[in-house]
Amino acid sequence: MQINKKLQDYIENNIFPSYKKNDLGHNLDHIKYVIERSLKFASKVTNINYDMVYTIAAYHDIGHYIDAKNHEKISAEMLLADKNLRNFFAEDEIKIMSEAVYDHRASLEGEPRSIYGKIVSSADRNTLVDVPLKRTYAYRIKHNPTATLDEIIEESRQHIISKFGKEGYATEKMYFEDLDYKKFLDEISILANNKVKFKRKFMEVNKLNN
């Protein structure tokens, strides 16, 4: 697969720097991770436009620092408004990319409108147990700084169960075979259902033992 070099240079120089404004869970490392997984899933689809796949993954969380709860809408609007993308794509392609960004969240009702939305939605799934433990701690420290450590740990555990547990919203709508994600779901579900082990792991990952 070959990405247009001029497009890649534009995104790396003008879009990637914006991710410094985002939190740990939506920073540039995460974006590069989603790009890599998106291109992997795209390789299983015939007649796919890899430049579009790359661009969607690169923009999908760009508006997170503005409004985390509505970041998919804001990110989609930012992609749509980027006049420089007209140097690389037709208007109908930009519309499809914007819709794919809007449709990427795991909590979305219904399915993404295109194969491009399904690709980035599938790619935007962490496969390492430590990552959601760090994310949920950072989120709770920021939004509920007066909570006790035990309250933070239990709230985090319940959040992870609701998201990754047997009936969690992030366990559905898997559009591609993803053995790494299935392994992750098994591991984090087992961990979250054991309060003692969860607390121990949570403390270790977030360096709270000292």
N, C-alpha and C. Protein backbone atom coordinates (compact mmCIF):
# COMPACT_ATOMS: atom_id res chain seq x y z
N MET A 1 0.86 -1.20 0.00
CA MET A 1 0.00 0.00 0.00
C MET A 1 0.89 1.24 0.00
N GLN A 2 0.49 2.22 -0.77
CA GLN A 2 1.29 3.43 -0.92
C GLN A 2 0.43 4.64 -0.61
N ILE A 3 0.85 5.44 0.38
CA ILE A 3 0.14 6.67 0.72
C ILE A 3 0.79 7.82 -0.04
N ASN A 4 -0.02 8.71 -0.60
CA ASN A 4 0.47 9.89 -1.29
C ASN A 4 1.44 10.66 -0.37
N LYS A 5 2.68 10.80 -0.82
CA LYS A 5 3.72 11.41 0.02
C LYS A 5 3.39 12.85 0.39
N LYS A 6 2.85 13.62 -0.54
CA LYS A 6 2.51 15.01 -0.26
C LYS A 6 1.37 15.10 0.76
N LEU A 7 0.41 14.19 0.65
CA LEU A 7 -0.68 14.13 1.63
C LEU A 7 -0.12 13.78 3.00
N GLN A 8 0.73 12.78 3.06
CA GLN A 8 1.32 12.35 4.32
C GLN A 8 2.13 13.49 4.96
N ASP A 9 2.90 14.21 4.15
CA ASP A 9 3.68 15.34 4.66
C ASP A 9 2.77 16.43 5.22
N TYR A 10 1.68 16.71 4.49
CA TYR A 10 0.74 17.74 4.97
C TYR A 10 0.15 17.36 6.32
N ILE A 11 -0.29 16.12 6.45
CA ILE A 11 -0.92 15.68 7.70
C ILE A 11 0.10 15.63 8.84
N GLU A 12 1.28 15.13 8.58
CA GLU A 12 2.30 15.04 9.64
C GLU A 12 2.73 16.43 10.12
N ASN A 13 2.78 17.39 9.22
CA ASN A 13 3.26 18.73 9.57
C ASN A 13 2.17 19.66 10.09
N ASN A 14 0.93 19.41 9.70
CA ASN A 14 -0.14 20.36 10.03
C ASN A 14 -1.25 19.79 10.91
N ILE A 15 -1.44 18.48 10.90
CA ILE A 15 -2.52 17.86 11.67
C ILE A 15 -1.98 17.19 12.94
N PHE A 16 -0.92 16.42 12.79
CA PHE A 16 -0.35 15.73 13.95
C PHE A 16 -0.01 16.65 15.12
N PRO A 17 0.54 17.85 14.90
CA PRO A 17 0.87 18.71 16.04
C PRO A 17 -0.33 19.07 16.92
N SER A 18 -1.53 19.07 16.35
CA SER A 18 -2.73 19.40 17.12
C SER A 18 -2.99 18.39 18.24
N TYR A 19 -2.48 17.18 18.08
CA TYR A 19 -2.75 16.13 19.07
C TYR A 19 -2.01 16.35 20.38
N LYS A 20 -1.12 17.33 20.44
CA LYS A 20 -0.49 17.69 21.72
C LYS A 20 -1.51 18.27 22.68
N LYS A 21 -2.61 18.77 22.14
CA LYS A 21 -3.66 19.38 22.97
C LYS A 21 -4.58 18.33 23.60
N ASN A 22 -4.53 17.10 23.10
CA ASN A 22 -5.43 16.05 23.59
C ASN A 22 -4.88 15.35 24.82
N ASP A 23 -5.75 14.60 25.50
CA ASP A 23 -5.32 13.86 26.67
C ASP A 23 -4.57 12.59 26.27
N LEU A 24 -4.12 11.86 27.29
CA LEU A 24 -3.29 10.67 27.08
C LEU A 24 -3.93 9.64 26.16
N GLY A 25 -5.24 9.45 26.30
CA GLY A 25 -5.91 8.41 25.53
C GLY A 25 -6.16 8.76 24.08
N HIS A 26 -5.94 10.02 23.73
CA HIS A 26 -6.24 10.46 22.36
C HIS A 26 -5.10 11.29 21.78
N ASN A 27 -3.89 10.94 22.18
CA ASN A 27 -2.71 11.68 21.74
C ASN A 27 -2.17 11.11 20.43
N LEU A 28 -1.01 11.59 20.01
CA LEU A 28 -0.46 11.19 18.72
C LEU A 28 -0.09 9.71 18.67
N ASP A 29 0.35 9.16 19.79
CA ASP A 29 0.65 7.72 19.83
C ASP A 29 -0.60 6.91 19.49
N HIS A 30 -1.73 7.34 20.04
CA HIS A 30 -3.00 6.65 19.76
C HIS A 30 -3.35 6.79 18.28
N ILE A 31 -3.17 7.97 17.71
CA ILE A 31 -3.50 8.20 16.31
C ILE A 31 -2.66 7.30 15.40
N LYS A 32 -1.38 7.21 15.67
CA LYS A 32 -0.51 6.36 14.86
C LYS A 32 -0.89 4.89 14.99
N TYR A 33 -1.31 4.51 16.17
CA TYR A 33 -1.80 3.15 16.41
C TYR A 33 -3.04 2.87 15.56
N VAL A 34 -3.98 3.81 15.54
CA VAL A 34 -5.22 3.64 14.77
C VAL A 34 -4.93 3.66 13.27
N ILE A 35 -4.00 4.49 12.84
CA ILE A 35 -3.60 4.50 11.43
C ILE A 35 -3.06 3.12 11.02
N GLU A 36 -2.18 2.57 11.82
CA GLU A 36 -1.59 1.27 11.51
C GLU A 36 -2.65 0.18 11.42
N ARG A 37 -3.57 0.16 12.39
CA ARG A 37 -4.62 -0.86 12.38
C ARG A 37 -5.61 -0.62 11.24
N SER A 38 -5.89 0.64 10.94
CA SER A 38 -6.81 0.95 9.83
C SER A 38 -6.27 0.43 8.51
N LEU A 39 -4.99 0.66 8.28
CA LEU A 39 -4.39 0.20 7.02
C LEU A 39 -4.35 -1.32 6.96
N LYS A 40 -4.18 -1.96 8.11
CA LYS A 40 -4.19 -3.43 8.15
C LYS A 40 -5.57 -3.96 7.77
N PHE A 41 -6.62 -3.40 8.34
CA PHE A 41 -7.97 -3.85 8.01
C PHE A 41 -8.32 -3.49 6.56
N ALA A 42 -7.87 -2.32 6.10
CA ALA A 42 -8.16 -1.89 4.73
C ALA A 42 -7.57 -2.85 3.71
N SER A 43 -6.46 -3.49 4.06
CA SER A 43 -5.81 -4.41 3.12
C SER A 43 -6.68 -5.64 2.84
N LYS A 44 -7.72 -5.84 3.65
CA LYS A 44 -8.62 -6.98 3.45
C LYS A 44 -9.81 -6.62 2.56
N VAL A 45 -9.87 -5.35 2.14
CA VAL A 45 -11.00 -4.84 1.35
C VAL A 45 -10.55 -4.54 -0.07
N THR A 46 -11.30 -5.00 -1.05
CA THR A 46 -10.95 -4.72 -2.44
C THR A 46 -11.37 -3.30 -2.82
N ASN A 47 -10.63 -2.70 -3.73
CA ASN A 47 -10.93 -1.37 -4.26
C ASN A 47 -11.06 -0.30 -3.17
N ILE A 48 -10.18 -0.36 -2.19
CA ILE A 48 -10.20 0.63 -1.10
C ILE A 48 -9.20 1.73 -1.41
N ASN A 49 -9.51 2.94 -0.99
CA ASN A 49 -8.62 4.07 -1.20
C ASN A 49 -7.79 4.27 0.08
N TYR A 50 -6.52 3.90 0.02
CA TYR A 50 -5.66 3.95 1.21
C TYR A 50 -5.40 5.38 1.67
N ASP A 51 -5.39 6.33 0.75
CA ASP A 51 -5.22 7.73 1.15
C ASP A 51 -6.40 8.18 2.02
N MET A 52 -7.59 7.75 1.65
CA MET A 52 -8.77 8.08 2.45
C MET A 52 -8.71 7.41 3.82
N VAL A 53 -8.33 6.16 3.85
CA VAL A 53 -8.22 5.42 5.12
C VAL A 53 -7.23 6.13 6.05
N TYR A 54 -6.08 6.47 5.50
CA TYR A 54 -5.04 7.15 6.28
C TYR A 54 -5.55 8.48 6.83
N THR A 55 -6.22 9.25 6.00
CA THR A 55 -6.70 10.57 6.39
C THR A 55 -7.78 10.48 7.46
N ILE A 56 -8.70 9.57 7.31
CA ILE A 56 -9.76 9.38 8.32
C ILE A 56 -9.15 9.06 9.68
N ALA A 57 -8.22 8.12 9.70
CA ALA A 57 -7.58 7.75 10.97
C ALA A 57 -6.81 8.93 11.56
N ALA A 58 -6.18 9.71 10.70
CA ALA A 58 -5.39 10.85 11.17
C ALA A 58 -6.25 11.96 11.79
N TYR A 59 -7.48 12.11 11.33
CA TYR A 59 -8.35 13.18 11.80
C TYR A 59 -9.35 12.72 12.88
N HIS A 60 -9.47 11.43 13.15
CA HIS A 60 -10.67 10.96 13.86
C HIS A 60 -10.84 11.50 15.27
N ASP A 61 -9.75 11.92 15.93
CA ASP A 61 -9.86 12.46 17.29
C ASP A 61 -9.35 13.90 17.38
N ILE A 62 -9.21 14.58 16.28
CA ILE A 62 -8.56 15.89 16.29
C ILE A 62 -9.31 16.93 17.13
N GLY A 63 -10.63 16.77 17.26
CA GLY A 63 -11.41 17.74 18.03
C GLY A 63 -11.65 17.34 19.47
N HIS A 64 -10.95 16.32 19.94
CA HIS A 64 -11.21 15.80 21.29
C HIS A 64 -10.94 16.84 22.37
N TYR A 65 -9.91 17.66 22.21
CA TYR A 65 -9.57 18.65 23.24
C TYR A 65 -10.61 19.76 23.34
N ILE A 66 -11.39 19.94 22.28
CA ILE A 66 -12.42 20.98 22.27
C ILE A 66 -13.65 20.54 23.06
N ASP A 67 -14.10 19.31 22.81
CA ASP A 67 -15.29 18.78 23.50
C ASP A 67 -15.23 17.25 23.41
N ALA A 68 -14.77 16.62 24.48
CA ALA A 68 -14.57 15.17 24.46
C ALA A 68 -15.86 14.41 24.16
N LYS A 69 -16.97 14.88 24.72
CA LYS A 69 -18.23 14.16 24.58
C LYS A 69 -18.81 14.24 23.18
N ASN A 70 -18.42 15.25 22.44
CA ASN A 70 -18.93 15.42 21.07
C ASN A 70 -17.79 15.47 20.06
N HIS A 71 -16.68 14.83 20.42
CA HIS A 71 -15.48 15.00 19.60
C HIS A 71 -15.62 14.41 18.21
N GLU A 72 -16.46 13.37 18.05
CA GLU A 72 -16.61 12.79 16.73
C GLU A 72 -17.26 13.78 15.76
N LYS A 73 -18.23 14.56 16.26
CA LYS A 73 -18.91 15.57 15.43
C LYS A 73 -17.94 16.71 15.09
N ILE A 74 -17.22 17.18 16.08
CA ILE A 74 -16.28 18.28 15.88
C ILE A 74 -15.15 17.86 14.94
N SER A 75 -14.62 16.66 15.15
CA SER A 75 -13.53 16.17 14.29
C SER A 75 -13.99 16.04 12.85
N ALA A 76 -15.22 15.54 12.66
CA ALA A 76 -15.79 15.41 11.30
C ALA A 76 -15.92 16.78 10.64
N GLU A 77 -16.35 17.77 11.40
CA GLU A 77 -16.51 19.12 10.87
C GLU A 77 -15.15 19.74 10.52
N MET A 78 -14.14 19.44 11.34
CA MET A 78 -12.79 19.98 11.07
C MET A 78 -12.21 19.38 9.79
N LEU A 79 -12.44 18.10 9.58
CA LEU A 79 -11.99 17.48 8.33
C LEU A 79 -12.71 18.11 7.14
N LEU A 80 -14.02 18.26 7.26
CA LEU A 80 -14.83 18.80 6.17
C LEU A 80 -14.42 20.23 5.83
N ALA A 81 -13.99 20.97 6.84
CA ALA A 81 -13.65 22.38 6.64
C ALA A 81 -12.22 22.59 6.16
N ASP A 82 -11.42 21.56 6.14
CA ASP A 82 -10.01 21.69 5.76
C ASP A 82 -9.88 21.83 4.24
N LYS A 83 -9.70 23.06 3.79
CA LYS A 83 -9.63 23.33 2.35
C LYS A 83 -8.42 22.67 1.69
N ASN A 84 -7.37 22.45 2.45
CA ASN A 84 -6.17 21.84 1.88
C ASN A 84 -6.41 20.41 1.40
N LEU A 85 -7.40 19.74 1.97
CA LEU A 85 -7.69 18.38 1.54
C LEU A 85 -8.24 18.33 0.13
N ARG A 86 -8.74 19.49 -0.36
CA ARG A 86 -9.25 19.55 -1.74
C ARG A 86 -8.12 19.39 -2.76
N ASN A 87 -6.87 19.51 -2.30
CA ASN A 87 -5.73 19.29 -3.19
C ASN A 87 -5.50 17.80 -3.45
N PHE A 88 -6.15 16.96 -2.63
CA PHE A 88 -5.90 15.51 -2.71
C PHE A 88 -7.16 14.69 -3.00
N PHE A 89 -8.34 15.26 -2.68
CA PHE A 89 -9.57 14.47 -2.77
C PHE A 89 -10.69 15.25 -3.45
N ALA A 90 -11.61 14.49 -4.06
CA ALA A 90 -12.84 15.07 -4.61
C ALA A 90 -13.83 15.32 -3.47
N GLU A 91 -14.84 16.14 -3.74
CA GLU A 91 -15.81 16.50 -2.69
C GLU A 91 -16.55 15.28 -2.15
N ASP A 92 -16.89 14.33 -3.03
CA ASP A 92 -17.62 13.16 -2.55
C ASP A 92 -16.74 12.30 -1.63
N GLU A 93 -15.44 12.28 -1.90
CA GLU A 93 -14.52 11.53 -1.04
C GLU A 93 -14.38 12.21 0.32
N ILE A 94 -14.34 13.53 0.32
CA ILE A 94 -14.24 14.27 1.58
C ILE A 94 -15.49 14.07 2.42
N LYS A 95 -16.64 14.03 1.76
CA LYS A 95 -17.90 13.78 2.48
C LYS A 95 -17.88 12.39 3.13
N ILE A 96 -17.44 11.39 2.41
CA ILE A 96 -17.36 10.03 2.94
C ILE A 96 -16.39 9.99 4.14
N MET A 97 -15.26 10.68 4.03
CA MET A 97 -14.28 10.70 5.11
C MET A 97 -14.85 11.39 6.35
N SER A 98 -15.53 12.48 6.15
CA SER A 98 -16.14 13.20 7.27
C SER A 98 -17.18 12.33 7.98
N GLU A 99 -17.99 11.64 7.20
CA GLU A 99 -18.99 10.73 7.78
C GLU A 99 -18.33 9.60 8.56
N ALA A 100 -17.21 9.09 8.03
CA ALA A 100 -16.50 7.99 8.70
C ALA A 100 -15.95 8.44 10.04
N VAL A 101 -15.42 9.65 10.10
CA VAL A 101 -14.93 10.20 11.36
C VAL A 101 -16.09 10.35 12.35
N TYR A 102 -17.20 10.86 11.88
CA TYR A 102 -18.39 11.04 12.73
C TYR A 102 -18.88 9.70 13.28
N ASP A 103 -18.76 8.66 12.47
CA ASP A 103 -19.33 7.34 12.82
C ASP A 103 -18.39 6.44 13.62
N HIS A 104 -17.21 6.93 14.02
CA HIS A 104 -16.19 6.00 14.53
C HIS A 104 -16.39 5.54 15.97
N ARG A 105 -17.18 6.22 16.77
CA ARG A 105 -17.25 5.90 18.21
C ARG A 105 -17.91 4.55 18.47
N ALA A 106 -17.36 3.84 19.45
CA ALA A 106 -17.89 2.52 19.80
C ALA A 106 -19.32 2.60 20.32
N SER A 107 -19.68 3.74 20.94
CA SER A 107 -21.02 3.90 21.50
C SER A 107 -22.06 4.36 20.47
N LEU A 108 -21.66 4.49 19.22
CA LEU A 108 -22.58 4.90 18.15
C LEU A 108 -23.76 3.95 18.03
N GLU A 109 -24.96 4.52 17.91
CA GLU A 109 -26.14 3.69 17.64
C GLU A 109 -26.18 3.40 16.14
N GLY A 110 -26.38 2.13 15.81
CA GLY A 110 -26.38 1.75 14.41
C GLY A 110 -24.97 1.53 13.90
N GLU A 111 -24.86 1.27 12.60
CA GLU A 111 -23.57 0.98 12.00
C GLU A 111 -23.03 2.19 11.24
N PRO A 112 -21.71 2.29 11.08
CA PRO A 112 -21.14 3.34 10.24
C PRO A 112 -21.72 3.29 8.83
N ARG A 113 -21.78 4.45 8.18
CA ARG A 113 -22.45 4.55 6.88
C ARG A 113 -21.65 3.97 5.71
N SER A 114 -20.37 3.72 5.89
CA SER A 114 -19.55 3.21 4.80
C SER A 114 -18.51 2.24 5.33
N ILE A 115 -17.84 1.56 4.42
CA ILE A 115 -16.76 0.65 4.80
C ILE A 115 -15.64 1.44 5.46
N TYR A 116 -15.47 2.70 5.10
CA TYR A 116 -14.42 3.53 5.70
C TYR A 116 -14.70 3.79 7.19
N GLY A 117 -15.97 4.00 7.51
CA GLY A 117 -16.36 4.17 8.91
C GLY A 117 -16.16 2.88 9.69
N LYS A 118 -16.43 1.75 9.05
CA LYS A 118 -16.26 0.46 9.71
C LYS A 118 -14.78 0.17 9.97
N ILE A 119 -13.94 0.60 9.05
CA ILE A 119 -12.50 0.39 9.21
C ILE A 119 -11.98 1.16 10.41
N VAL A 120 -12.26 2.46 10.48
CA VAL A 120 -11.70 3.26 11.58
C VAL A 120 -12.35 2.90 12.91
N SER A 121 -13.63 2.55 12.90
CA SER A 121 -14.30 2.11 14.13
C SER A 121 -13.65 0.85 14.68
N SER A 122 -13.33 -0.09 13.79
CA SER A 122 -12.68 -1.33 14.20
C SER A 122 -11.25 -1.07 14.66
N ALA A 123 -10.56 -0.16 13.99
CA ALA A 123 -9.16 0.13 14.33
C ALA A 123 -9.03 0.88 15.64
N ASP A 124 -10.07 1.64 15.99
CA ASP A 124 -10.04 2.48 17.19
C ASP A 124 -10.39 1.68 18.44
N ARG A 125 -9.75 0.55 18.58
CA ARG A 125 -9.98 -0.33 19.73
C ARG A 125 -8.63 -0.70 20.32
N ASN A 126 -8.42 -0.28 21.54
CA ASN A 126 -7.17 -0.60 22.22
C ASN A 126 -7.08 -2.10 22.50
N THR A 127 -5.88 -2.65 22.46
CA THR A 127 -5.70 -4.08 22.71
C THR A 127 -4.76 -4.35 23.88
N LEU A 128 -4.41 -3.32 24.65
CA LEU A 128 -3.53 -3.49 25.81
C LEU A 128 -4.29 -3.16 27.09
N VAL A 129 -4.25 -4.05 28.06
CA VAL A 129 -5.02 -3.88 29.30
C VAL A 129 -4.62 -2.62 30.06
N ASP A 130 -3.36 -2.27 30.06
CA ASP A 130 -2.90 -1.12 30.83
C ASP A 130 -3.54 0.19 30.37
N VAL A 131 -3.82 0.30 29.09
CA VAL A 131 -4.28 1.57 28.53
C VAL A 131 -5.59 2.07 29.12
N PRO A 132 -6.67 1.27 29.16
CA PRO A 132 -7.91 1.78 29.75
C PRO A 132 -7.79 2.06 31.24
N LEU A 133 -6.89 1.35 31.93
CA LEU A 133 -6.68 1.63 33.36
C LEU A 133 -6.05 3.01 33.55
N LYS A 134 -5.14 3.38 32.67
CA LYS A 134 -4.53 4.71 32.73
C LYS A 134 -5.53 5.78 32.31
N ARG A 135 -6.30 5.49 31.26
CA ARG A 135 -7.26 6.48 30.76
C ARG A 135 -8.33 6.80 31.80
N THR A 136 -8.88 5.76 32.40
CA THR A 136 -9.99 6.00 33.33
C THR A 136 -9.51 6.69 34.60
N TYR A 137 -8.28 6.42 35.01
CA TYR A 137 -7.72 7.12 36.17
C TYR A 137 -7.52 8.60 35.84
N ALA A 138 -6.91 8.88 34.70
CA ALA A 138 -6.67 10.27 34.30
C ALA A 138 -7.98 11.04 34.17
N TYR A 139 -9.00 10.39 33.61
CA TYR A 139 -10.30 11.04 33.43
C TYR A 139 -10.92 11.39 34.79
N ARG A 140 -10.87 10.46 35.73
CA ARG A 140 -11.52 10.68 37.02
C ARG A 140 -10.77 11.67 37.90
N ILE A 141 -9.47 11.68 37.81
CA ILE A 141 -8.69 12.68 38.54
C ILE A 141 -9.02 14.08 38.05
N LYS A 142 -9.22 14.20 36.74
CA LYS A 142 -9.53 15.50 36.16
C LYS A 142 -10.95 15.95 36.48
N HIS A 143 -11.91 15.03 36.37
CA HIS A 143 -13.32 15.42 36.48
C HIS A 143 -13.92 15.25 37.87
N ASN A 144 -13.24 14.52 38.74
CA ASN A 144 -13.74 14.35 40.11
C ASN A 144 -12.56 14.33 41.08
N PRO A 145 -11.85 15.46 41.21
CA PRO A 145 -10.61 15.51 41.99
C PRO A 145 -10.80 15.29 43.49
N THR A 146 -12.04 15.39 44.00
CA THR A 146 -12.27 15.22 45.44
C THR A 146 -12.58 13.76 45.81
N ALA A 147 -12.71 12.90 44.83
CA ALA A 147 -13.01 11.48 45.11
C ALA A 147 -11.83 10.80 45.80
N THR A 148 -12.15 9.85 46.65
CA THR A 148 -11.09 9.08 47.29
C THR A 148 -10.51 8.08 46.29
N LEU A 149 -9.34 7.56 46.60
CA LEU A 149 -8.71 6.59 45.70
C LEU A 149 -9.60 5.36 45.53
N ASP A 150 -10.19 4.89 46.63
CA ASP A 150 -11.06 3.71 46.54
C ASP A 150 -12.27 3.99 45.66
N GLU A 151 -12.81 5.19 45.75
CA GLU A 151 -13.95 5.56 44.90
C GLU A 151 -13.54 5.60 43.42
N ILE A 152 -12.37 6.15 43.16
CA ILE A 152 -11.87 6.22 41.78
C ILE A 152 -11.67 4.82 41.21
N ILE A 153 -11.10 3.93 42.01
CA ILE A 153 -10.84 2.57 41.55
C ILE A 153 -12.14 1.84 41.25
N GLU A 154 -13.13 1.98 42.14
CA GLU A 154 -14.40 1.27 41.92
C GLU A 154 -15.18 1.87 40.75
N GLU A 155 -15.18 3.19 40.63
CA GLU A 155 -15.84 3.82 39.48
C GLU A 155 -15.17 3.37 38.18
N SER A 156 -13.87 3.28 38.20
CA SER A 156 -13.12 2.84 37.03
C SER A 156 -13.46 1.39 36.67
N ARG A 157 -13.54 0.57 37.69
CA ARG A 157 -13.87 -0.85 37.47
C ARG A 157 -15.26 -0.98 36.86
N GLN A 158 -16.23 -0.25 37.38
CA GLN A 158 -17.59 -0.32 36.86
C GLN A 158 -17.66 0.20 35.43
N HIS A 159 -16.91 1.25 35.15
CA HIS A 159 -16.87 1.78 33.78
C HIS A 159 -16.32 0.74 32.80
N ILE A 160 -15.26 0.07 33.21
CA ILE A 160 -14.64 -0.93 32.34
C ILE A 160 -15.57 -2.11 32.12
N ILE A 161 -16.32 -2.50 33.15
CA ILE A 161 -17.31 -3.58 32.99
C ILE A 161 -18.39 -3.16 32.00
N SER A 162 -18.87 -1.91 32.14
CA SER A 162 -19.95 -1.45 31.26
C SER A 162 -19.48 -1.31 29.81
N LYS A 163 -18.19 -1.07 29.65
CA LYS A 163 -17.66 -0.89 28.29
C LYS A 163 -17.15 -2.19 27.68
N PHE A 164 -16.40 -2.98 28.47
CA PHE A 164 -15.74 -4.16 27.92
C PHE A 164 -16.27 -5.49 28.46
N GLY A 165 -17.22 -5.43 29.38
CA GLY A 165 -17.77 -6.66 29.95
C GLY A 165 -18.62 -7.43 28.95
N LYS A 166 -19.25 -8.49 29.43
CA LYS A 166 -19.99 -9.40 28.55
C LYS A 166 -21.01 -8.69 27.67
N GLU A 167 -21.69 -7.68 28.23
CA GLU A 167 -22.69 -6.94 27.46
C GLU A 167 -22.24 -5.50 27.21
N GLY A 168 -20.95 -5.26 27.27
CA GLY A 168 -20.42 -3.91 27.09
C GLY A 168 -20.60 -3.38 25.67
N TYR A 169 -20.72 -2.06 25.57
CA TYR A 169 -20.98 -1.47 24.24
C TYR A 169 -19.76 -1.55 23.32
N ALA A 170 -18.57 -1.78 23.88
CA ALA A 170 -17.37 -1.87 23.04
C ALA A 170 -17.05 -3.30 22.63
N THR A 171 -17.97 -4.20 22.90
CA THR A 171 -17.77 -5.60 22.51
C THR A 171 -18.55 -5.94 21.24
N GLU A 172 -19.32 -4.98 20.75
CA GLU A 172 -20.18 -5.22 19.60
C GLU A 172 -19.59 -4.57 18.35
N LYS A 173 -20.26 -4.79 17.24
CA LYS A 173 -19.92 -4.14 15.97
C LYS A 173 -18.44 -4.29 15.61
N MET A 174 -17.96 -5.52 15.65
CA MET A 174 -16.59 -5.80 15.20
C MET A 174 -16.69 -6.23 13.73
N TYR A 175 -16.21 -5.39 12.84
CA TYR A 175 -16.44 -5.59 11.41
C TYR A 175 -15.33 -6.39 10.73
N PHE A 176 -14.24 -6.64 11.46
CA PHE A 176 -13.13 -7.41 10.92
C PHE A 176 -12.67 -8.41 11.97
N GLU A 177 -12.10 -9.51 11.53
CA GLU A 177 -11.52 -10.47 12.45
C GLU A 177 -10.36 -9.79 13.19
N ASP A 178 -10.43 -9.80 14.52
CA ASP A 178 -9.43 -9.07 15.31
C ASP A 178 -9.09 -9.90 16.55
N LEU A 179 -8.16 -10.81 16.39
CA LEU A 179 -7.81 -11.73 17.47
C LEU A 179 -7.17 -11.00 18.65
N ASP A 180 -6.41 -9.95 18.37
CA ASP A 180 -5.79 -9.17 19.45
C ASP A 180 -6.86 -8.54 20.34
N TYR A 181 -7.92 -8.02 19.72
CA TYR A 181 -8.97 -7.37 20.51
C TYR A 181 -9.78 -8.39 21.30
N LYS A 182 -10.03 -9.55 20.72
CA LYS A 182 -10.75 -10.60 21.44
C LYS A 182 -9.96 -11.05 22.67
N LYS A 183 -8.65 -11.18 22.52
CA LYS A 183 -7.78 -11.56 23.64
C LYS A 183 -7.83 -10.49 24.72
N PHE A 184 -7.78 -9.23 24.31
CA PHE A 184 -7.87 -8.12 25.25
C PHE A 184 -9.19 -8.15 26.02
N LEU A 185 -10.31 -8.37 25.32
CA LEU A 185 -11.61 -8.42 25.98
C LEU A 185 -11.67 -9.52 27.05
N ASP A 186 -11.12 -10.67 26.73
CA ASP A 186 -11.08 -11.76 27.71
C ASP A 186 -10.27 -11.35 28.94
N GLU A 187 -9.11 -10.79 28.72
CA GLU A 187 -8.20 -10.43 29.81
C GLU A 187 -8.79 -9.35 30.71
N ILE A 188 -9.34 -8.29 30.10
CA ILE A 188 -9.82 -7.18 30.92
C ILE A 188 -11.14 -7.52 31.62
N SER A 189 -11.94 -8.38 31.01
CA SER A 189 -13.18 -8.81 31.65
C SER A 189 -12.90 -9.64 32.90
N ILE A 190 -11.96 -10.55 32.78
CA ILE A 190 -11.56 -11.37 33.93
C ILE A 190 -11.00 -10.48 35.05
N LEU A 191 -10.17 -9.53 34.68
CA LEU A 191 -9.58 -8.63 35.66
C LEU A 191 -10.63 -7.78 36.36
N ALA A 192 -11.54 -7.19 35.60
CA ALA A 192 -12.55 -6.29 36.17
C ALA A 192 -13.54 -7.01 37.07
N ASN A 193 -13.71 -8.30 36.87
CA ASN A 193 -14.63 -9.06 37.71
C ASN A 193 -14.00 -9.56 39.01
N ASN A 194 -12.75 -9.23 39.23
CA ASN A 194 -12.08 -9.59 40.48
C ASN A 194 -11.60 -8.29 41.14
N LYS A 195 -12.32 -7.85 42.17
CA LYS A 195 -12.03 -6.55 42.79
C LYS A 195 -10.61 -6.44 43.30
N VAL A 196 -10.14 -7.49 43.94
CA VAL A 196 -8.81 -7.47 44.55
C VAL A 196 -7.73 -7.36 43.48
N LYS A 197 -7.83 -8.21 42.46
CA LYS A 197 -6.83 -8.19 41.39
C LYS A 197 -6.90 -6.89 40.59
N PHE A 198 -8.12 -6.40 40.40
CA PHE A 198 -8.28 -5.14 39.66
C PHE A 198 -7.60 -4.00 40.40
N LYS A 199 -7.83 -3.91 41.71
CA LYS A 199 -7.21 -2.83 42.49
C LYS A 199 -5.69 -2.92 42.44
N ARG A 200 -5.17 -4.13 42.57
CA ARG A 200 -3.73 -4.32 42.54
C ARG A 200 -3.13 -3.86 41.20
N LYS A 201 -3.78 -4.27 40.12
CA LYS A 201 -3.31 -3.91 38.79
C LYS A 201 -3.46 -2.41 38.54
N PHE A 202 -4.57 -1.84 38.97
CA PHE A 202 -4.85 -0.42 38.80
C PHE A 202 -3.78 0.42 39.51
N MET A 203 -3.45 0.02 40.72
CA MET A 203 -2.43 0.72 41.51
C MET A 203 -1.07 0.63 40.85
N GLU A 204 -0.77 -0.56 40.34
CA GLU A 204 0.52 -0.80 39.71
C GLU A 204 0.67 0.02 38.43
N VAL A 205 -0.34 -0.03 37.58
CA VAL A 205 -0.29 0.64 36.28
C VAL A 205 -0.18 2.16 36.44
N ASN A 206 -0.89 2.69 37.42
CA ASN A 206 -0.91 4.15 37.63
C ASN A 206 0.11 4.62 38.66
N LYS A 207 1.01 3.69 39.06
CA LYS A 207 2.11 4.02 39.98
C LYS A 207 1.60 4.68 41.26
N LEU A 208 0.61 4.03 41.87
CA LEU A 208 -0.02 4.57 43.08
C LEU A 208 0.40 3.83 44.35
N ASN A 209 1.38 2.97 44.23
CA ASN A 209 1.78 2.16 45.38
C ASN A 209 2.70 2.89 46.35
N ASN A 210 3.27 4.01 45.91
CA ASN A 210 4.20 4.74 46.80
C ASN A 210 3.47 5.82 47.57
